[in-house]
């Protein structure tokens, strides 16, 4: 009985990390299946870093551009995650 309890405890501790690893792999697969979305995420992230480091404020639009770009990245990642869930 003690062995079963230990096995159950180990399985419970490992299953979330195994699930997240599988989910991450599936999202990577979706990124490979949708290269334009993956490229858009990378390009937006580079643009965010560029704007954050820029000394000027782009005519007062810098903060909104950074904020909206972050939202776009989040939405694109959610789109890939959705496709990953639907393909399982």
C-alpha atoms as a PDB file:
ATOM      1  CA  UNK A   1       0.000   0.000   0.000  1.00  0.00           C
ATOM      2  CA  UNK A   2       2.861   2.363   0.832  1.00  0.00           C
ATOM      3  CA  UNK A   3       4.373   1.803  -2.642  1.00  0.00           C
ATOM      4  CA  UNK A   4       1.071   2.692  -4.285  1.00  0.00           C
ATOM      5  CA  UNK A   5       0.864   5.896  -2.253  1.00  0.00           C
ATOM      6  CA  UNK A   6       4.432   6.835  -3.215  1.00  0.00           C
ATOM      7  CA  UNK A   7       3.767   6.065  -6.886  1.00  0.00           C
ATOM      8  CA  UNK A   8       0.584   8.126  -6.799  1.00  0.00           C
ATOM      9  CA  UNK A   9       2.401  11.028  -5.139  1.00  0.00           C
ATOM     10  CA  UNK A  10       5.155  10.938  -7.751  1.00  0.00           C
ATOM     11  CA  UNK A  11       2.678  10.741 -10.606  1.00  0.00           C
ATOM     12  CA  UNK A  12       0.728  13.669  -9.180  1.00  0.00           C
ATOM     13  CA  UNK A  13       3.874  15.769  -8.867  1.00  0.00           C
ATOM     14  CA  UNK A  14       5.175  14.888 -12.336  1.00  0.00           C
ATOM     15  CA  UNK A  15       1.971  15.057 -14.352  1.00  0.00           C
ATOM     16  CA  UNK A  16       1.642  18.879 -14.436  1.00  0.00           C
ATOM     17  CA  UNK A  17       5.185  19.278 -15.702  1.00  0.00           C
ATOM     18  CA  UNK A  18       4.718  16.470 -18.228  1.00  0.00           C
ATOM     19  CA  UNK A  19       1.488  18.059 -19.425  1.00  0.00           C
ATOM     20  CA  UNK A  20       3.117  21.472 -19.758  1.00  0.00           C
ATOM     21  CA  UNK A  21       6.048  19.940 -21.655  1.00  0.00           C
ATOM     22  CA  UNK A  22       3.618  18.201 -24.016  1.00  0.00           C
ATOM     23  CA  UNK A  23       1.618  21.416 -24.436  1.00  0.00           C
ATOM     24  CA  UNK A  24       4.790  23.396 -25.166  1.00  0.00           C
ATOM     25  CA  UNK A  25       5.825  20.823 -27.754  1.00  0.00           C
ATOM     26  CA  UNK A  26       2.400  20.992 -29.386  1.00  0.00           C
ATOM     27  CA  UNK A  27       2.541  24.811 -29.508  1.00  0.00           C
ATOM     28  CA  UNK A  28       5.996  24.566 -31.109  1.00  0.00           C
ATOM     29  CA  UNK A  29       4.512  22.180 -33.673  1.00  0.00           C
ATOM     30  CA  UNK A  30       1.741  24.684 -34.369  1.00  0.00           C
ATOM     31  CA  UNK A  31       4.343  27.430 -34.762  1.00  0.00           C
ATOM     32  CA  UNK A  32       6.065  25.243 -37.348  1.00  0.00           C
ATOM     33  CA  UNK A  33       2.726  24.663 -39.071  1.00  0.00           C
ATOM     34  CA  UNK A  34       2.001  28.408 -39.109  1.00  0.00           C
ATOM     35  CA  UNK A  35       5.379  30.025 -39.801  1.00  0.00           C
ATOM     36  CA  UNK A  36       3.923  33.460 -40.573  1.00  0.00           C
ATOM     37  CA  UNK A  37       2.385  33.652 -37.098  1.00  0.00           C
ATOM     38  CA  UNK A  38       5.649  32.514 -35.502  1.00  0.00           C
ATOM     39  CA  UNK A  39       7.532  35.126 -37.533  1.00  0.00           C
ATOM     40  CA  UNK A  40       5.040  37.825 -36.547  1.00  0.00           C
ATOM     41  CA  UNK A  41       5.584  37.001 -32.866  1.00  0.00           C
ATOM     42  CA  UNK A  42       9.369  37.242 -33.234  1.00  0.00           C
ATOM     43  CA  UNK A  43       9.155  40.484 -35.224  1.00  0.00           C
ATOM     44  CA  UNK A  44       6.778  42.094 -32.740  1.00  0.00           C
ATOM     45  CA  UNK A  45       9.028  41.096 -29.843  1.00  0.00           C
ATOM     46  CA  UNK A  46      12.000  42.660 -31.639  1.00  0.00           C
ATOM     47  CA  UNK A  47       9.987  45.826 -32.298  1.00  0.00           C
ATOM     48  CA  UNK A  48       9.033  46.016 -28.617  1.00  0.00           C
ATOM     49  CA  UNK A  49      12.685  45.730 -27.566  1.00  0.00           C
ATOM     50  CA  UNK A  50      13.647  48.373 -30.136  1.00  0.00           C
ATOM     51  CA  UNK A  51      10.973  50.807 -28.986  1.00  0.00           C
ATOM     52  CA  UNK A  52      11.806  50.264 -25.305  1.00  0.00           C
ATOM     53  CA  UNK A  53      15.459  51.064 -25.982  1.00  0.00           C
ATOM     54  CA  UNK A  54      14.741  54.036 -28.272  1.00  0.00           C
ATOM     55  CA  UNK A  55      15.546  57.430 -26.760  1.00  0.00           C
ATOM     56  CA  UNK A  56      12.595  59.155 -28.432  1.00  0.00           C
ATOM     57  CA  UNK A  57       8.882  58.647 -27.903  1.00  0.00           C
ATOM     58  CA  UNK A  58       7.791  58.440 -31.554  1.00  0.00           C
ATOM     59  CA  UNK A  59       5.612  61.515 -31.330  1.00  0.00           C
ATOM     60  CA  UNK A  60       3.941  60.347 -28.138  1.00  0.00           C
ATOM     61  CA  UNK A  61       2.947  56.964 -29.568  1.00  0.00           C
ATOM     62  CA  UNK A  62       5.694  54.826 -28.048  1.00  0.00           C
ATOM     63  CA  UNK A  63       3.870  53.655 -24.914  1.00  0.00           C
ATOM     64  CA  UNK A  64       0.685  52.735 -26.785  1.00  0.00           C
ATOM     65  CA  UNK A  65       2.659  50.983 -29.535  1.00  0.00           C
ATOM     66  CA  UNK A  66       4.543  48.884 -26.963  1.00  0.00           C
ATOM     67  CA  UNK A  67       1.343  48.074 -25.076  1.00  0.00           C
ATOM     68  CA  UNK A  68      -0.592  47.136 -28.208  1.00  0.00           C
ATOM     69  CA  UNK A  69       2.308  45.089 -29.572  1.00  0.00           C
ATOM     70  CA  UNK A  70       2.427  43.090 -26.338  1.00  0.00           C
ATOM     71  CA  UNK A  71      -1.314  42.458 -26.630  1.00  0.00           C
ATOM     72  CA  UNK A  72      -0.832  41.315 -30.235  1.00  0.00           C
ATOM     73  CA  UNK A  73       1.929  38.895 -29.208  1.00  0.00           C
ATOM     74  CA  UNK A  74      -0.290  37.493 -26.464  1.00  0.00           C
ATOM     75  CA  UNK A  75      -3.200  37.022 -28.879  1.00  0.00           C
ATOM     76  CA  UNK A  76      -0.989  35.323 -31.471  1.00  0.00           C
ATOM     77  CA  UNK A  77       0.337  32.941 -28.819  1.00  0.00           C
ATOM     78  CA  UNK A  78      -3.220  32.194 -27.724  1.00  0.00           C
ATOM     79  CA  UNK A  79      -4.145  31.478 -31.351  1.00  0.00           C
ATOM     80  CA  UNK A  80      -1.323  28.930 -31.618  1.00  0.00           C
ATOM     81  CA  UNK A  81      -2.278  27.386 -28.271  1.00  0.00           C
ATOM     82  CA  UNK A  82      -5.898  27.110 -29.423  1.00  0.00           C
ATOM     83  CA  UNK A  83      -4.838  25.328 -32.607  1.00  0.00           C
ATOM     84  CA  UNK A  84      -2.647  23.025 -30.513  1.00  0.00           C
ATOM     85  CA  UNK A  85      -5.614  22.103 -28.298  1.00  0.00           C
ATOM     86  CA  UNK A  86      -7.881  21.545 -31.293  1.00  0.00           C
ATOM     87  CA  UNK A  87      -5.350  19.252 -32.989  1.00  0.00           C
ATOM     88  CA  UNK A  88      -5.087  16.922 -29.990  1.00  0.00           C
END
